[in-house]
Amino acid sequence: MGNPGQERNGFPFLAGEEAEHVKRIALEKKALAHSTVQSVYQSMANEFHKHIRLLPQKEKVMDKQYALTAEQRQFGLYSYHGKTYVETLRPYVDVEGRIEQMIAVHKAHEKRYVIHTFPEQIGEQWVMTCQFEGLNK
């Protein structure tokens, strides 16, 4: 299973040199994503690390669809709709963390700030928009 020239569901297996090429690209994308995550942690004070969320993101590796082995899927590869992707993690600082950071900066500089909040119900969900006025203006 997974040999060059073989197919499953009409798609060729990702094997041989092509598999190595895809894996190299995927490793580069994973390394870059990891570096970005590390950079975010290093640039933020430890007290705000609890607000960093790592969101899964699929990044395109190749414009070709393959039948993948269990090992390739476990590595983080996905292949569908004519393309192959690798899953990486993208850092996101939640709203509470961003607000806490802005407040901390203003306190450190002894500057005033104002936070305006605008709640809006969309169906069953509530969305809160925050507008911050202070040093960033």
N, C-alpha and C. Protein backbone atom coordinates (compact mmCIF):
# COMPACT_ATOMS: atom_id res chain seq x y z
N MET A 1 0.84 -1.19 0.00
CA MET A 1 0.00 0.00 0.00
C MET A 1 0.88 1.25 0.00
N GLY A 2 0.54 2.23 -0.81
CA GLY A 2 1.28 3.46 -0.85
C GLY A 2 2.46 3.45 -1.79
N ASN A 3 2.48 2.54 -2.75
CA ASN A 3 3.59 2.49 -3.71
C ASN A 3 3.32 3.41 -4.89
N PRO A 4 4.41 3.96 -5.49
CA PRO A 4 4.23 4.80 -6.67
C PRO A 4 3.48 4.03 -7.75
N GLY A 5 2.59 4.72 -8.44
CA GLY A 5 1.83 4.10 -9.52
C GLY A 5 0.52 3.49 -9.06
N GLN A 6 0.35 3.25 -7.78
CA GLN A 6 -0.90 2.71 -7.28
C GLN A 6 -1.88 3.85 -7.00
N GLU A 7 -3.16 3.49 -6.99
CA GLU A 7 -4.20 4.48 -6.72
C GLU A 7 -5.19 3.96 -5.71
N ARG A 8 -5.86 4.90 -5.05
CA ARG A 8 -6.99 4.58 -4.19
C ARG A 8 -8.04 5.65 -4.45
N ASN A 9 -9.25 5.21 -4.73
CA ASN A 9 -10.36 6.13 -5.01
C ASN A 9 -10.03 7.09 -6.16
N GLY A 10 -9.24 6.65 -7.10
CA GLY A 10 -8.91 7.46 -8.27
C GLY A 10 -7.76 8.43 -8.07
N PHE A 11 -7.15 8.43 -6.90
CA PHE A 11 -6.03 9.33 -6.64
C PHE A 11 -4.77 8.53 -6.38
N PRO A 12 -3.63 9.02 -6.91
CA PRO A 12 -2.38 8.28 -6.71
C PRO A 12 -1.93 8.37 -5.25
N PHE A 13 -1.26 7.34 -4.79
CA PHE A 13 -0.67 7.39 -3.46
C PHE A 13 0.47 8.40 -3.47
N LEU A 14 0.66 9.08 -2.38
CA LEU A 14 1.79 9.97 -2.22
C LEU A 14 2.97 9.10 -1.79
N ALA A 15 3.90 8.88 -2.73
CA ALA A 15 4.99 7.94 -2.46
C ALA A 15 6.25 8.38 -3.21
N GLY A 16 7.35 7.75 -2.86
CA GLY A 16 8.61 7.97 -3.57
C GLY A 16 9.15 9.38 -3.42
N GLU A 17 9.78 9.87 -4.50
CA GLU A 17 10.38 11.20 -4.49
C GLU A 17 9.35 12.29 -4.27
N GLU A 18 8.15 12.07 -4.82
CA GLU A 18 7.09 13.06 -4.64
C GLU A 18 6.71 13.19 -3.16
N ALA A 19 6.66 12.07 -2.47
CA ALA A 19 6.35 12.08 -1.03
C ALA A 19 7.44 12.82 -0.26
N GLU A 20 8.69 12.59 -0.62
CA GLU A 20 9.80 13.28 0.05
C GLU A 20 9.73 14.78 -0.19
N HIS A 21 9.40 15.17 -1.44
CA HIS A 21 9.28 16.59 -1.78
C HIS A 21 8.16 17.25 -0.96
N VAL A 22 7.00 16.61 -0.91
CA VAL A 22 5.87 17.14 -0.14
C VAL A 22 6.24 17.23 1.33
N LYS A 23 6.91 16.22 1.84
CA LYS A 23 7.29 16.22 3.26
C LYS A 23 8.26 17.36 3.57
N ARG A 24 9.21 17.63 2.66
CA ARG A 24 10.15 18.74 2.87
C ARG A 24 9.41 20.07 2.95
N ILE A 25 8.49 20.28 2.02
CA ILE A 25 7.71 21.53 2.03
C ILE A 25 6.89 21.62 3.31
N ALA A 26 6.25 20.52 3.69
CA ALA A 26 5.44 20.51 4.90
C ALA A 26 6.29 20.79 6.14
N LEU A 27 7.48 20.21 6.20
CA LEU A 27 8.37 20.46 7.34
C LEU A 27 8.78 21.93 7.42
N GLU A 28 9.03 22.55 6.25
CA GLU A 28 9.37 23.98 6.22
C GLU A 28 8.22 24.81 6.75
N LYS A 29 6.99 24.49 6.33
CA LYS A 29 5.82 25.24 6.79
C LYS A 29 5.60 25.04 8.29
N LYS A 30 5.80 23.81 8.77
CA LYS A 30 5.66 23.54 10.21
C LYS A 30 6.73 24.29 11.00
N ALA A 31 7.95 24.32 10.49
CA ALA A 31 9.04 25.01 11.19
C ALA A 31 8.78 26.51 11.26
N LEU A 32 8.30 27.09 10.16
CA LEU A 32 7.97 28.52 10.14
C LEU A 32 6.84 28.83 11.13
N ALA A 33 5.82 27.98 11.15
CA ALA A 33 4.71 28.18 12.08
C ALA A 33 5.20 28.07 13.52
N HIS A 34 6.07 27.10 13.80
CA HIS A 34 6.61 26.92 15.15
C HIS A 34 7.43 28.15 15.55
N SER A 35 8.20 28.68 14.62
CA SER A 35 9.00 29.87 14.88
C SER A 35 8.10 31.07 15.20
N THR A 36 7.00 31.19 14.48
CA THR A 36 6.04 32.27 14.73
C THR A 36 5.44 32.15 16.13
N VAL A 37 5.07 30.94 16.51
CA VAL A 37 4.50 30.71 17.85
C VAL A 37 5.53 31.09 18.91
N GLN A 38 6.77 30.65 18.75
CA GLN A 38 7.82 30.98 19.71
C GLN A 38 8.03 32.49 19.80
N SER A 39 8.01 33.16 18.66
CA SER A 39 8.20 34.61 18.62
C SER A 39 7.10 35.33 19.39
N VAL A 40 5.86 34.87 19.25
CA VAL A 40 4.75 35.49 19.97
C VAL A 40 4.94 35.32 21.47
N TYR A 41 5.29 34.12 21.90
CA TYR A 41 5.52 33.89 23.33
C TYR A 41 6.67 34.74 23.85
N GLN A 42 7.74 34.88 23.06
CA GLN A 42 8.89 35.65 23.50
C GLN A 42 8.60 37.15 23.55
N SER A 43 7.71 37.62 22.69
CA SER A 43 7.43 39.06 22.62
C SER A 43 6.40 39.51 23.66
N MET A 44 5.73 38.57 24.32
CA MET A 44 4.71 38.91 25.30
C MET A 44 5.20 38.61 26.71
N ALA A 45 4.80 39.45 27.65
CA ALA A 45 5.11 39.20 29.06
C ALA A 45 4.45 37.89 29.49
N ASN A 46 5.10 37.16 30.37
CA ASN A 46 4.60 35.86 30.83
C ASN A 46 3.17 35.93 31.35
N GLU A 47 2.80 37.03 31.98
CA GLU A 47 1.46 37.14 32.56
C GLU A 47 0.35 37.08 31.50
N PHE A 48 0.70 37.31 30.24
CA PHE A 48 -0.31 37.29 29.17
C PHE A 48 -0.29 35.99 28.36
N HIS A 49 0.64 35.10 28.64
CA HIS A 49 0.73 33.85 27.88
C HIS A 49 -0.56 33.03 27.95
N LYS A 50 -1.29 33.13 29.04
CA LYS A 50 -2.53 32.36 29.18
C LYS A 50 -3.57 32.77 28.15
N HIS A 51 -3.37 33.90 27.50
CA HIS A 51 -4.33 34.38 26.51
C HIS A 51 -3.96 33.99 25.08
N ILE A 52 -2.86 33.28 24.90
CA ILE A 52 -2.46 32.85 23.57
C ILE A 52 -3.18 31.54 23.25
N ARG A 53 -3.87 31.53 22.13
CA ARG A 53 -4.56 30.33 21.66
C ARG A 53 -3.84 29.88 20.39
N LEU A 54 -3.64 28.58 20.27
CA LEU A 54 -3.02 28.03 19.06
C LEU A 54 -4.12 27.42 18.21
N LEU A 55 -4.41 28.07 17.11
CA LEU A 55 -5.50 27.65 16.23
C LEU A 55 -4.95 26.82 15.08
N PRO A 56 -5.58 25.68 14.80
CA PRO A 56 -5.14 24.87 13.66
C PRO A 56 -5.43 25.58 12.35
N GLN A 57 -4.51 25.46 11.43
CA GLN A 57 -4.65 26.08 10.12
C GLN A 57 -4.07 25.13 9.08
N LYS A 58 -4.76 24.99 7.97
CA LYS A 58 -4.25 24.14 6.89
C LYS A 58 -3.57 25.03 5.86
N GLU A 59 -2.31 24.71 5.57
CA GLU A 59 -1.54 25.46 4.58
C GLU A 59 -1.31 24.59 3.35
N LYS A 60 -1.55 25.17 2.18
CA LYS A 60 -1.40 24.41 0.94
C LYS A 60 0.07 24.07 0.70
N VAL A 61 0.28 22.79 0.37
CA VAL A 61 1.62 22.30 0.06
C VAL A 61 1.76 22.08 -1.44
N MET A 62 0.68 21.58 -2.07
CA MET A 62 0.76 21.23 -3.49
C MET A 62 -0.62 21.28 -4.13
N ASP A 63 -0.65 21.64 -5.41
CA ASP A 63 -1.89 21.67 -6.18
C ASP A 63 -2.18 20.32 -6.80
N LYS A 64 -2.20 19.29 -5.99
CA LYS A 64 -2.48 17.94 -6.46
C LYS A 64 -3.04 17.14 -5.30
N GLN A 65 -4.02 16.30 -5.60
CA GLN A 65 -4.63 15.47 -4.55
C GLN A 65 -4.04 14.07 -4.59
N TYR A 66 -3.80 13.52 -3.40
CA TYR A 66 -3.23 12.19 -3.27
C TYR A 66 -4.07 11.34 -2.32
N ALA A 67 -3.89 10.03 -2.44
CA ALA A 67 -4.36 9.10 -1.42
C ALA A 67 -3.23 9.04 -0.40
N LEU A 68 -3.54 9.34 0.85
CA LEU A 68 -2.52 9.41 1.89
C LEU A 68 -2.54 8.17 2.77
N THR A 69 -1.39 7.82 3.28
CA THR A 69 -1.30 6.71 4.23
C THR A 69 -1.67 7.23 5.62
N ALA A 70 -1.93 6.31 6.53
CA ALA A 70 -2.24 6.70 7.91
C ALA A 70 -1.07 7.48 8.52
N GLU A 71 0.14 7.08 8.21
CA GLU A 71 1.33 7.77 8.73
C GLU A 71 1.39 9.21 8.22
N GLN A 72 1.08 9.42 6.94
CA GLN A 72 1.10 10.77 6.37
C GLN A 72 0.01 11.63 7.00
N ARG A 73 -1.16 11.05 7.25
CA ARG A 73 -2.24 11.80 7.90
C ARG A 73 -1.85 12.14 9.34
N GLN A 74 -1.20 11.20 10.02
CA GLN A 74 -0.76 11.43 11.39
C GLN A 74 0.29 12.55 11.44
N PHE A 75 1.08 12.67 10.40
CA PHE A 75 2.08 13.74 10.29
C PHE A 75 1.42 15.11 10.13
N GLY A 76 0.15 15.12 9.71
CA GLY A 76 -0.57 16.38 9.56
C GLY A 76 -0.93 16.73 8.14
N LEU A 77 -0.77 15.78 7.21
CA LEU A 77 -1.13 16.04 5.81
C LEU A 77 -2.61 15.75 5.58
N TYR A 78 -3.21 16.56 4.72
CA TYR A 78 -4.60 16.39 4.28
C TYR A 78 -4.58 16.55 2.77
N SER A 79 -5.44 15.83 2.09
CA SER A 79 -5.49 15.95 0.64
C SER A 79 -6.94 15.84 0.19
N TYR A 80 -7.46 16.92 -0.38
CA TYR A 80 -8.85 16.94 -0.85
C TYR A 80 -9.03 18.10 -1.82
N HIS A 81 -10.11 18.04 -2.58
CA HIS A 81 -10.45 19.08 -3.56
C HIS A 81 -9.27 19.44 -4.46
N GLY A 82 -8.49 18.45 -4.85
CA GLY A 82 -7.41 18.68 -5.81
C GLY A 82 -6.14 19.30 -5.23
N LYS A 83 -6.04 19.38 -3.91
CA LYS A 83 -4.86 19.99 -3.30
C LYS A 83 -4.41 19.18 -2.09
N THR A 84 -3.17 19.42 -1.67
CA THR A 84 -2.62 18.76 -0.48
C THR A 84 -2.18 19.84 0.50
N TYR A 85 -2.51 19.64 1.77
CA TYR A 85 -2.26 20.62 2.82
C TYR A 85 -1.52 19.98 3.98
N VAL A 86 -0.90 20.84 4.79
CA VAL A 86 -0.33 20.40 6.07
C VAL A 86 -0.97 21.28 7.15
N GLU A 87 -1.28 20.65 8.27
CA GLU A 87 -1.86 21.41 9.37
C GLU A 87 -0.75 21.99 10.24
N THR A 88 -0.85 23.30 10.48
CA THR A 88 0.08 23.99 11.37
C THR A 88 -0.75 24.68 12.45
N LEU A 89 -0.08 25.26 13.41
CA LEU A 89 -0.75 26.01 14.46
C LEU A 89 -0.41 27.48 14.33
N ARG A 90 -1.43 28.30 14.46
CA ARG A 90 -1.26 29.75 14.34
C ARG A 90 -1.61 30.40 15.67
N PRO A 91 -0.74 31.25 16.21
CA PRO A 91 -1.04 31.88 17.49
C PRO A 91 -2.07 33.00 17.34
N TYR A 92 -2.95 33.07 18.31
CA TYR A 92 -3.98 34.11 18.35
C TYR A 92 -4.09 34.57 19.80
N VAL A 93 -4.04 35.86 20.03
CA VAL A 93 -4.21 36.40 21.38
C VAL A 93 -5.67 36.78 21.53
N ASP A 94 -6.34 36.18 22.52
CA ASP A 94 -7.77 36.44 22.68
C ASP A 94 -8.01 37.90 23.08
N VAL A 95 -9.26 38.32 22.94
CA VAL A 95 -9.63 39.72 23.17
C VAL A 95 -9.30 40.14 24.60
N GLU A 96 -9.62 39.30 25.55
CA GLU A 96 -9.34 39.63 26.95
C GLU A 96 -7.85 39.91 27.15
N GLY A 97 -7.02 39.11 26.53
CA GLY A 97 -5.57 39.31 26.65
C GLY A 97 -5.11 40.60 26.02
N ARG A 98 -5.66 40.94 24.85
CA ARG A 98 -5.28 42.19 24.20
C ARG A 98 -5.69 43.40 25.04
N ILE A 99 -6.89 43.32 25.63
CA ILE A 99 -7.35 44.42 26.48
C ILE A 99 -6.47 44.53 27.72
N GLU A 100 -6.17 43.39 28.36
CA GLU A 100 -5.31 43.41 29.55
C GLU A 100 -3.94 43.99 29.22
N GLN A 101 -3.40 43.66 28.05
CA GLN A 101 -2.10 44.20 27.65
C GLN A 101 -2.17 45.72 27.50
N MET A 102 -3.22 46.20 26.84
CA MET A 102 -3.35 47.65 26.62
C MET A 102 -3.49 48.39 27.95
N ILE A 103 -4.27 47.82 28.86
CA ILE A 103 -4.43 48.44 30.18
C ILE A 103 -3.09 48.48 30.91
N ALA A 104 -2.35 47.39 30.87
CA ALA A 104 -1.04 47.33 31.54
C ALA A 104 -0.08 48.37 30.97
N VAL A 105 -0.07 48.55 29.67
CA VAL A 105 0.80 49.55 29.04
C VAL A 105 0.41 50.94 29.51
N HIS A 106 -0.89 51.22 29.55
CA HIS A 106 -1.34 52.55 29.98
C HIS A 106 -1.02 52.80 31.45
N LYS A 107 -1.16 51.78 32.28
CA LYS A 107 -0.81 51.94 33.70
C LYS A 107 0.69 52.19 33.85
N ALA A 108 1.50 51.47 33.10
CA ALA A 108 2.95 51.63 33.17
C ALA A 108 3.37 53.04 32.77
N HIS A 109 2.65 53.64 31.82
CA HIS A 109 2.96 55.00 31.34
C HIS A 109 2.12 56.06 32.05
N GLU A 110 1.31 55.61 33.01
CA GLU A 110 0.41 56.51 33.74
C GLU A 110 -0.43 57.36 32.79
N LYS A 111 -1.01 56.71 31.81
CA LYS A 111 -1.86 57.38 30.82
C LYS A 111 -3.30 56.90 30.95
N ARG A 112 -4.20 57.78 30.58
CA ARG A 112 -5.63 57.46 30.62
C ARG A 112 -6.02 56.67 29.38
N TYR A 113 -7.10 55.92 29.51
CA TYR A 113 -7.65 55.16 28.39
C TYR A 113 -9.15 55.03 28.59
N VAL A 114 -9.84 54.74 27.50
CA VAL A 114 -11.29 54.52 27.52
C VAL A 114 -11.57 53.28 26.68
N ILE A 115 -12.43 52.42 27.19
CA ILE A 115 -12.88 51.25 26.43
C ILE A 115 -14.37 51.40 26.18
N HIS A 116 -14.77 51.36 24.91
CA HIS A 116 -16.18 51.37 24.54
C HIS A 116 -16.53 49.95 24.11
N THR A 117 -17.65 49.44 24.59
CA THR A 117 -18.10 48.11 24.18
C THR A 117 -19.45 48.21 23.50
N PHE A 118 -19.62 47.44 22.45
CA PHE A 118 -20.84 47.45 21.66
C PHE A 118 -21.35 46.02 21.51
N PRO A 119 -22.26 45.59 22.39
CA PRO A 119 -22.80 44.22 22.26
C PRO A 119 -23.84 44.15 21.15
N GLU A 120 -23.85 43.03 20.46
CA GLU A 120 -24.81 42.83 19.37
C GLU A 120 -25.20 41.36 19.35
N GLN A 121 -26.51 41.12 19.31
CA GLN A 121 -26.98 39.74 19.25
C GLN A 121 -27.18 39.35 17.79
N ILE A 122 -26.58 38.24 17.41
CA ILE A 122 -26.73 37.71 16.06
C ILE A 122 -27.28 36.31 16.22
N GLY A 123 -28.58 36.16 15.99
CA GLY A 123 -29.23 34.88 16.23
C GLY A 123 -29.16 34.54 17.70
N GLU A 124 -28.63 33.37 18.02
CA GLU A 124 -28.50 32.92 19.41
C GLU A 124 -27.20 33.42 20.06
N GLN A 125 -26.31 33.99 19.28
CA GLN A 125 -24.99 34.38 19.77
C GLN A 125 -24.90 35.87 20.05
N TRP A 126 -24.06 36.22 21.00
CA TRP A 126 -23.74 37.61 21.27
C TRP A 126 -22.32 37.90 20.80
N VAL A 127 -22.15 39.03 20.14
CA VAL A 127 -20.84 39.47 19.68
C VAL A 127 -20.55 40.79 20.37
N MET A 128 -19.34 40.91 20.90
CA MET A 128 -18.96 42.14 21.60
C MET A 128 -17.84 42.80 20.82
N THR A 129 -18.09 44.02 20.37
CA THR A 129 -17.06 44.81 19.70
C THR A 129 -16.48 45.77 20.73
N CYS A 130 -15.16 45.84 20.81
CA CYS A 130 -14.50 46.73 21.75
C CYS A 130 -13.69 47.77 20.98
N GLN A 131 -13.82 49.01 21.41
CA GLN A 131 -13.02 50.08 20.82
C GLN A 131 -12.20 50.70 21.96
N PHE A 132 -10.92 50.80 21.75
CA PHE A 132 -9.99 51.25 22.79
C PHE A 132 -9.42 52.59 22.38
N GLU A 133 -9.51 53.58 23.26
CA GLU A 133 -8.92 54.89 22.99
C GLU A 133 -7.84 55.15 24.02
N GLY A 134 -6.66 55.46 23.55
CA GLY A 134 -5.55 55.71 24.47
C GLY A 134 -4.29 56.02 23.70
N LEU A 135 -3.18 55.42 24.10
CA LEU A 135 -1.89 55.69 23.48
C LEU A 135 -1.85 55.34 22.00
N ASN A 136 -2.71 54.44 21.58
CA ASN A 136 -2.70 54.02 20.18
C ASN A 136 -3.37 55.03 19.26
N LYS A 137 -3.92 56.10 19.80
CA LYS A 137 -4.60 57.11 18.97
C LYS A 137 -3.69 58.27 18.71
